[in-house]
Amino acid sequence: MSMQDKVYPVQHTDAEWRRRLTPEQYAVLRGHGTERPGSCALLHETRDGAFVCAGCGQKLFSSAKKFDSGTGWPSFDSPEPDSIELSQDESHGMVRTEVHCSSCGGHLGHVFPDGPPPTGLRYCINGVATVFVPD
């Protein structure tokens, strides 16, 4: 089953998504866009807490899993259990692994195999797709 065919627990019409999200959040979460590198304040967030989906509030990443990848996007070495799903993204003339929220299907970013131990993964996440909730 493709991501487009999946029925997610959190669903809204396109008009409802547009009302609930800022234009930037909508462009990323629903339109599979990408924010400019270095443009999100969450890139520099260092407090203890959680990064939750801006679309539905599901906890996605713990701040304990965040690291500075030098890429200009918030990066994490692992997600919260069952919080994300992966799909193949063949846009822009390349093949990448897309990361999206398992609750609402919102596009979050991509995962790459160049992260730190112990996972070796870098979840490169659009900051605008998340909201930080401090402990």
N, C-alpha and C. Protein backbone atom coordinates (compact mmCIF):
# COMPACT_ATOMS: atom_id res chain seq x y z
N MET A 1 0.85 -1.19 0.00
CA MET A 1 0.00 0.00 0.00
C MET A 1 0.89 1.24 0.00
N SER A 2 0.60 2.17 -0.88
CA SER A 2 1.39 3.39 -0.94
C SER A 2 0.95 4.36 0.14
N MET A 3 1.83 5.32 0.44
CA MET A 3 1.52 6.33 1.45
C MET A 3 0.24 7.08 1.08
N GLN A 4 0.03 7.34 -0.22
CA GLN A 4 -1.14 8.09 -0.66
C GLN A 4 -2.44 7.31 -0.43
N ASP A 5 -2.34 5.96 -0.41
CA ASP A 5 -3.52 5.12 -0.24
C ASP A 5 -3.82 4.81 1.23
N LYS A 6 -2.86 5.05 2.10
CA LYS A 6 -3.02 4.69 3.50
C LYS A 6 -4.02 5.61 4.19
N VAL A 7 -4.80 5.03 5.09
CA VAL A 7 -5.72 5.79 5.92
C VAL A 7 -5.02 5.99 7.27
N TYR A 8 -4.73 7.25 7.60
CA TYR A 8 -4.02 7.57 8.84
C TYR A 8 -5.02 7.85 9.97
N PRO A 9 -4.62 7.59 11.22
CA PRO A 9 -5.52 7.86 12.35
C PRO A 9 -6.00 9.31 12.42
N VAL A 10 -5.12 10.26 12.08
CA VAL A 10 -5.49 11.68 12.07
C VAL A 10 -5.68 12.10 10.62
N GLN A 11 -6.89 12.54 10.30
CA GLN A 11 -7.21 12.96 8.94
C GLN A 11 -7.97 14.27 8.95
N HIS A 12 -7.70 15.09 7.94
CA HIS A 12 -8.43 16.34 7.74
C HIS A 12 -8.55 16.57 6.24
N THR A 13 -9.52 17.36 5.87
CA THR A 13 -9.62 17.75 4.47
C THR A 13 -8.49 18.73 4.17
N ASP A 14 -8.23 18.97 2.89
CA ASP A 14 -7.20 19.93 2.53
C ASP A 14 -7.51 21.30 3.12
N ALA A 15 -8.76 21.70 3.08
CA ALA A 15 -9.14 23.01 3.63
C ALA A 15 -8.88 23.06 5.14
N GLU A 16 -9.18 21.96 5.83
CA GLU A 16 -8.91 21.92 7.28
C GLU A 16 -7.42 21.99 7.56
N TRP A 17 -6.60 21.26 6.80
CA TRP A 17 -5.14 21.34 6.99
C TRP A 17 -4.66 22.77 6.79
N ARG A 18 -5.17 23.43 5.78
CA ARG A 18 -4.74 24.81 5.51
C ARG A 18 -5.12 25.76 6.65
N ARG A 19 -6.24 25.50 7.31
CA ARG A 19 -6.65 26.33 8.46
C ARG A 19 -5.80 26.02 9.70
N ARG A 20 -5.44 24.77 9.89
CA ARG A 20 -4.73 24.34 11.09
C ARG A 20 -3.24 24.68 11.07
N LEU A 21 -2.66 24.74 9.87
CA LEU A 21 -1.21 24.91 9.73
C LEU A 21 -0.86 26.29 9.19
N THR A 22 0.33 26.76 9.51
CA THR A 22 0.83 27.98 8.87
C THR A 22 1.13 27.65 7.40
N PRO A 23 1.24 28.64 6.54
CA PRO A 23 1.60 28.35 5.14
C PRO A 23 2.90 27.56 5.01
N GLU A 24 3.89 27.85 5.86
CA GLU A 24 5.16 27.13 5.81
C GLU A 24 4.99 25.68 6.25
N GLN A 25 4.22 25.46 7.32
CA GLN A 25 3.97 24.11 7.79
C GLN A 25 3.21 23.31 6.74
N TYR A 26 2.21 23.93 6.12
CA TYR A 26 1.43 23.25 5.09
C TYR A 26 2.33 22.85 3.91
N ALA A 27 3.18 23.75 3.48
CA ALA A 27 4.06 23.48 2.33
C ALA A 27 4.95 22.26 2.59
N VAL A 28 5.43 22.11 3.83
CA VAL A 28 6.30 20.98 4.16
C VAL A 28 5.49 19.73 4.48
N LEU A 29 4.59 19.82 5.45
CA LEU A 29 3.87 18.63 5.91
C LEU A 29 2.94 18.03 4.87
N ARG A 30 2.22 18.86 4.15
CA ARG A 30 1.24 18.35 3.19
C ARG A 30 1.76 18.41 1.75
N GLY A 31 2.68 19.35 1.47
CA GLY A 31 3.18 19.51 0.11
C GLY A 31 4.55 18.91 -0.14
N HIS A 32 5.12 18.25 0.88
CA HIS A 32 6.43 17.60 0.76
C HIS A 32 7.54 18.59 0.43
N GLY A 33 7.40 19.81 0.92
CA GLY A 33 8.42 20.83 0.68
C GLY A 33 9.59 20.69 1.64
N THR A 34 10.53 21.61 1.48
CA THR A 34 11.71 21.65 2.34
C THR A 34 11.98 23.09 2.74
N GLU A 35 12.19 23.33 4.03
CA GLU A 35 12.54 24.67 4.47
C GLU A 35 14.00 24.96 4.11
N ARG A 36 14.33 26.23 4.01
CA ARG A 36 15.72 26.62 3.74
C ARG A 36 16.60 26.17 4.91
N PRO A 37 17.80 25.66 4.61
CA PRO A 37 18.69 25.25 5.70
C PRO A 37 19.03 26.44 6.60
N GLY A 38 19.04 26.19 7.89
CA GLY A 38 19.38 27.23 8.86
C GLY A 38 18.27 28.20 9.16
N SER A 39 17.07 27.98 8.60
CA SER A 39 16.01 28.97 8.73
C SER A 39 15.10 28.75 9.94
N CYS A 40 15.23 27.64 10.62
CA CYS A 40 14.32 27.33 11.73
C CYS A 40 15.02 27.45 13.07
N ALA A 41 14.37 28.13 14.01
CA ALA A 41 14.93 28.30 15.35
C ALA A 41 15.13 26.97 16.07
N LEU A 42 14.35 25.94 15.71
CA LEU A 42 14.49 24.64 16.38
C LEU A 42 15.82 23.97 16.08
N LEU A 43 16.51 24.44 15.06
CA LEU A 43 17.85 23.93 14.77
C LEU A 43 18.76 24.12 15.98
N HIS A 44 18.56 25.20 16.71
CA HIS A 44 19.42 25.55 17.85
C HIS A 44 18.79 25.21 19.21
N GLU A 45 17.68 24.48 19.21
CA GLU A 45 17.01 24.10 20.46
C GLU A 45 17.85 23.06 21.20
N THR A 46 18.18 23.36 22.48
CA THR A 46 19.03 22.45 23.25
C THR A 46 18.40 21.99 24.57
N ARG A 47 17.21 22.49 24.88
CA ARG A 47 16.57 22.09 26.14
C ARG A 47 16.11 20.63 26.08
N ASP A 48 15.88 20.05 27.27
CA ASP A 48 15.31 18.71 27.35
C ASP A 48 13.83 18.80 26.97
N GLY A 49 13.39 17.84 26.18
CA GLY A 49 11.99 17.82 25.79
C GLY A 49 11.78 16.93 24.58
N ALA A 50 10.69 17.20 23.86
CA ALA A 50 10.32 16.38 22.72
C ALA A 50 9.96 17.25 21.53
N PHE A 51 10.25 16.73 20.36
CA PHE A 51 9.84 17.34 19.10
C PHE A 51 8.61 16.57 18.63
N VAL A 52 7.48 17.26 18.53
CA VAL A 52 6.22 16.61 18.16
C VAL A 52 5.79 17.10 16.78
N CYS A 53 4.95 16.32 16.14
CA CYS A 53 4.46 16.67 14.81
C CYS A 53 3.62 17.94 14.88
N ALA A 54 3.92 18.91 14.03
CA ALA A 54 3.15 20.16 14.00
C ALA A 54 1.74 19.93 13.45
N GLY A 55 1.53 18.81 12.78
CA GLY A 55 0.22 18.52 12.21
C GLY A 55 -0.73 17.86 13.18
N CYS A 56 -0.20 16.99 14.05
CA CYS A 56 -1.10 16.22 14.91
C CYS A 56 -0.66 16.12 16.37
N GLY A 57 0.55 16.55 16.69
CA GLY A 57 1.02 16.53 18.08
C GLY A 57 1.67 15.24 18.52
N GLN A 58 1.80 14.26 17.63
CA GLN A 58 2.45 13.00 18.02
C GLN A 58 3.93 13.23 18.33
N LYS A 59 4.40 12.63 19.43
CA LYS A 59 5.81 12.73 19.79
C LYS A 59 6.63 11.96 18.77
N LEU A 60 7.61 12.65 18.16
CA LEU A 60 8.43 12.07 17.11
C LEU A 60 9.86 11.77 17.55
N PHE A 61 10.49 12.76 18.20
CA PHE A 61 11.90 12.64 18.57
C PHE A 61 12.13 13.23 19.95
N SER A 62 12.98 12.58 20.72
CA SER A 62 13.43 13.10 22.00
C SER A 62 14.61 14.04 21.76
N SER A 63 14.70 15.09 22.56
CA SER A 63 15.85 15.99 22.43
C SER A 63 17.15 15.26 22.73
N ALA A 64 17.10 14.17 23.48
CA ALA A 64 18.30 13.39 23.79
C ALA A 64 18.88 12.72 22.54
N LYS A 65 18.09 12.62 21.47
CA LYS A 65 18.54 11.98 20.23
C LYS A 65 18.96 13.00 19.17
N LYS A 66 18.91 14.29 19.52
CA LYS A 66 19.26 15.36 18.58
C LYS A 66 20.77 15.59 18.58
N PHE A 67 21.32 15.88 17.39
CA PHE A 67 22.74 16.20 17.29
C PHE A 67 22.94 17.25 16.20
N ASP A 68 24.07 17.92 16.25
CA ASP A 68 24.39 18.95 15.25
C ASP A 68 25.10 18.28 14.08
N SER A 69 24.38 18.15 12.96
CA SER A 69 24.93 17.49 11.78
C SER A 69 25.67 18.47 10.87
N GLY A 70 25.52 19.77 11.14
CA GLY A 70 26.14 20.77 10.29
C GLY A 70 25.43 20.97 8.96
N THR A 71 24.24 20.40 8.82
CA THR A 71 23.50 20.48 7.55
C THR A 71 22.56 21.68 7.46
N GLY A 72 22.19 22.24 8.61
CA GLY A 72 21.24 23.34 8.62
C GLY A 72 19.82 22.91 8.93
N TRP A 73 19.63 21.62 9.21
CA TRP A 73 18.32 21.11 9.63
C TRP A 73 18.47 20.35 10.93
N PRO A 74 17.45 20.39 11.80
CA PRO A 74 17.52 19.56 13.01
C PRO A 74 17.73 18.10 12.63
N SER A 75 18.67 17.44 13.30
CA SER A 75 19.01 16.05 12.99
C SER A 75 18.94 15.21 14.25
N PHE A 76 18.50 13.97 14.08
CA PHE A 76 18.32 13.03 15.18
C PHE A 76 18.86 11.68 14.75
N ASP A 77 19.33 10.87 15.74
CA ASP A 77 19.84 9.56 15.37
C ASP A 77 18.79 8.46 15.43
N SER A 78 17.65 8.74 16.07
CA SER A 78 16.56 7.75 16.10
C SER A 78 15.26 8.42 16.53
N PRO A 79 14.13 7.90 16.04
CA PRO A 79 12.82 8.43 16.40
C PRO A 79 12.24 7.71 17.62
N GLU A 80 11.15 8.22 18.11
CA GLU A 80 10.38 7.51 19.12
C GLU A 80 9.78 6.25 18.47
N PRO A 81 9.62 5.17 19.23
CA PRO A 81 9.06 3.94 18.65
C PRO A 81 7.71 4.16 17.97
N ASP A 82 7.57 3.62 16.78
CA ASP A 82 6.32 3.63 16.01
C ASP A 82 5.81 5.03 15.65
N SER A 83 6.65 6.05 15.74
CA SER A 83 6.19 7.42 15.49
C SER A 83 6.32 7.85 14.04
N ILE A 84 7.15 7.15 13.29
CA ILE A 84 7.38 7.55 11.90
C ILE A 84 7.19 6.35 10.97
N GLU A 85 7.04 6.66 9.70
CA GLU A 85 7.03 5.66 8.64
C GLU A 85 7.98 6.14 7.55
N LEU A 86 8.47 5.21 6.77
CA LEU A 86 9.42 5.53 5.72
C LEU A 86 8.84 5.15 4.36
N SER A 87 9.20 5.91 3.34
CA SER A 87 8.82 5.58 1.97
C SER A 87 9.94 6.03 1.05
N GLN A 88 9.94 5.48 -0.16
CA GLN A 88 10.95 5.86 -1.14
C GLN A 88 10.53 7.14 -1.84
N ASP A 89 11.45 8.08 -1.91
CA ASP A 89 11.23 9.38 -2.55
C ASP A 89 12.15 9.47 -3.76
N GLU A 90 11.56 9.54 -4.95
CA GLU A 90 12.34 9.60 -6.18
C GLU A 90 12.28 10.98 -6.84
N SER A 91 11.95 12.00 -6.05
CA SER A 91 11.86 13.36 -6.60
C SER A 91 13.24 13.97 -6.78
N HIS A 92 13.31 15.02 -7.55
CA HIS A 92 14.52 15.80 -7.77
C HIS A 92 15.68 14.99 -8.36
N GLY A 93 15.35 13.94 -9.12
CA GLY A 93 16.37 13.17 -9.81
C GLY A 93 17.25 12.31 -8.92
N MET A 94 16.79 12.00 -7.72
CA MET A 94 17.57 11.15 -6.82
C MET A 94 16.63 10.24 -6.05
N VAL A 95 17.18 9.20 -5.44
CA VAL A 95 16.39 8.29 -4.62
C VAL A 95 16.80 8.50 -3.16
N ARG A 96 15.80 8.85 -2.34
CA ARG A 96 16.05 9.07 -0.92
C ARG A 96 14.96 8.34 -0.12
N THR A 97 15.17 8.24 1.18
CA THR A 97 14.17 7.65 2.06
C THR A 97 13.46 8.76 2.79
N GLU A 98 12.17 8.91 2.50
CA GLU A 98 11.35 9.95 3.12
C GLU A 98 10.87 9.50 4.50
N VAL A 99 10.79 10.45 5.42
CA VAL A 99 10.29 10.22 6.77
C VAL A 99 8.96 10.96 6.89
N HIS A 100 7.93 10.25 7.34
CA HIS A 100 6.66 10.92 7.59
C HIS A 100 6.03 10.43 8.88
N CYS A 101 5.14 11.24 9.43
CA CYS A 101 4.48 10.95 10.70
C CYS A 101 3.54 9.75 10.52
N SER A 102 3.62 8.79 11.43
CA SER A 102 2.78 7.60 11.33
C SER A 102 1.33 7.88 11.73
N SER A 103 1.08 9.02 12.35
CA SER A 103 -0.27 9.34 12.79
C SER A 103 -1.07 10.14 11.77
N CYS A 104 -0.41 11.12 11.11
CA CYS A 104 -1.14 11.96 10.14
C CYS A 104 -0.57 11.88 8.73
N GLY A 105 0.56 11.21 8.56
CA GLY A 105 1.16 11.09 7.24
C GLY A 105 1.95 12.30 6.79
N GLY A 106 2.09 13.29 7.64
CA GLY A 106 2.81 14.51 7.28
C GLY A 106 4.26 14.26 6.93
N HIS A 107 4.74 14.93 5.88
CA HIS A 107 6.15 14.84 5.48
C HIS A 107 7.01 15.56 6.51
N LEU A 108 8.05 14.86 6.99
CA LEU A 108 8.94 15.44 8.00
C LEU A 108 10.32 15.76 7.44
N GLY A 109 10.83 14.92 6.57
CA GLY A 109 12.17 15.08 6.03
C GLY A 109 12.64 13.78 5.42
N HIS A 110 13.94 13.48 5.60
CA HIS A 110 14.54 12.28 5.03
C HIS A 110 15.52 11.68 6.03
N VAL A 111 15.84 10.41 5.83
CA VAL A 111 16.83 9.75 6.68
C VAL A 111 17.98 9.29 5.79
N PHE A 112 19.20 9.48 6.30
CA PHE A 112 20.41 9.16 5.56
C PHE A 112 21.31 8.25 6.41
N PRO A 113 22.14 7.40 5.77
CA PRO A 113 22.99 6.47 6.51
C PRO A 113 24.35 7.06 6.89
N ASP A 114 24.37 8.32 7.29
CA ASP A 114 25.65 8.97 7.62
C ASP A 114 25.63 9.62 9.00
N GLY A 115 24.84 9.05 9.91
CA GLY A 115 24.73 9.60 11.25
C GLY A 115 25.73 9.00 12.22
N PRO A 116 25.69 9.47 13.46
CA PRO A 116 26.63 8.99 14.48
C PRO A 116 26.22 7.63 15.04
N PRO A 117 27.16 6.97 15.74
CA PRO A 117 26.80 5.75 16.47
C PRO A 117 25.77 6.09 17.54
N PRO A 118 24.93 5.24 18.00
CA PRO A 118 24.97 3.82 17.68
C PRO A 118 24.16 3.43 16.44
N THR A 119 23.31 4.30 15.91
CA THR A 119 22.43 3.89 14.80
C THR A 119 23.08 4.08 13.44
N GLY A 120 23.99 5.05 13.32
CA GLY A 120 24.57 5.37 12.02
C GLY A 120 23.60 6.08 11.10
N LEU A 121 22.47 6.52 11.65
CA LEU A 121 21.44 7.18 10.85
C LEU A 121 21.35 8.66 11.20
N ARG A 122 20.96 9.45 10.19
CA ARG A 122 20.71 10.88 10.39
C ARG A 122 19.31 11.18 9.87
N TYR A 123 18.38 11.37 10.80
CA TYR A 123 17.03 11.80 10.46
C TYR A 123 17.09 13.31 10.31
N CYS A 124 17.08 13.77 9.07
CA CYS A 124 17.19 15.19 8.73
C CYS A 124 15.78 15.74 8.61
N ILE A 125 15.35 16.50 9.60
CA ILE A 125 13.94 16.86 9.76
C ILE A 125 13.73 18.36 9.58
N ASN A 126 12.73 18.72 8.80
CA ASN A 126 12.34 20.11 8.66
C ASN A 126 11.82 20.61 10.01
N GLY A 127 12.46 21.61 10.57
CA GLY A 127 12.04 22.13 11.86
C GLY A 127 10.61 22.63 11.86
N VAL A 128 10.16 23.20 10.76
CA VAL A 128 8.81 23.74 10.67
C VAL A 128 7.75 22.63 10.74
N ALA A 129 8.14 21.39 10.51
CA ALA A 129 7.22 20.25 10.60
C ALA A 129 7.03 19.78 12.03
N THR A 130 7.80 20.36 12.95
CA THR A 130 7.73 19.94 14.36
C THR A 130 7.47 21.16 15.26
N VAL A 131 7.07 20.83 16.47
CA VAL A 131 6.91 21.81 17.55
C VAL A 131 7.69 21.24 18.72
N PHE A 132 8.48 22.06 19.40
CA PHE A 132 9.23 21.61 20.55
C PHE A 132 8.39 21.77 21.81
N VAL A 133 8.33 20.70 22.60
CA VAL A 133 7.62 20.72 23.88
C VAL A 133 8.64 20.45 24.98
N PRO A 134 8.98 21.46 25.79
CA PRO A 134 9.99 21.25 26.84
C PRO A 134 9.46 20.33 27.94
N ASP A 135 10.40 19.63 28.60
CA ASP A 135 10.03 18.77 29.75
C ASP A 135 9.56 19.63 30.89
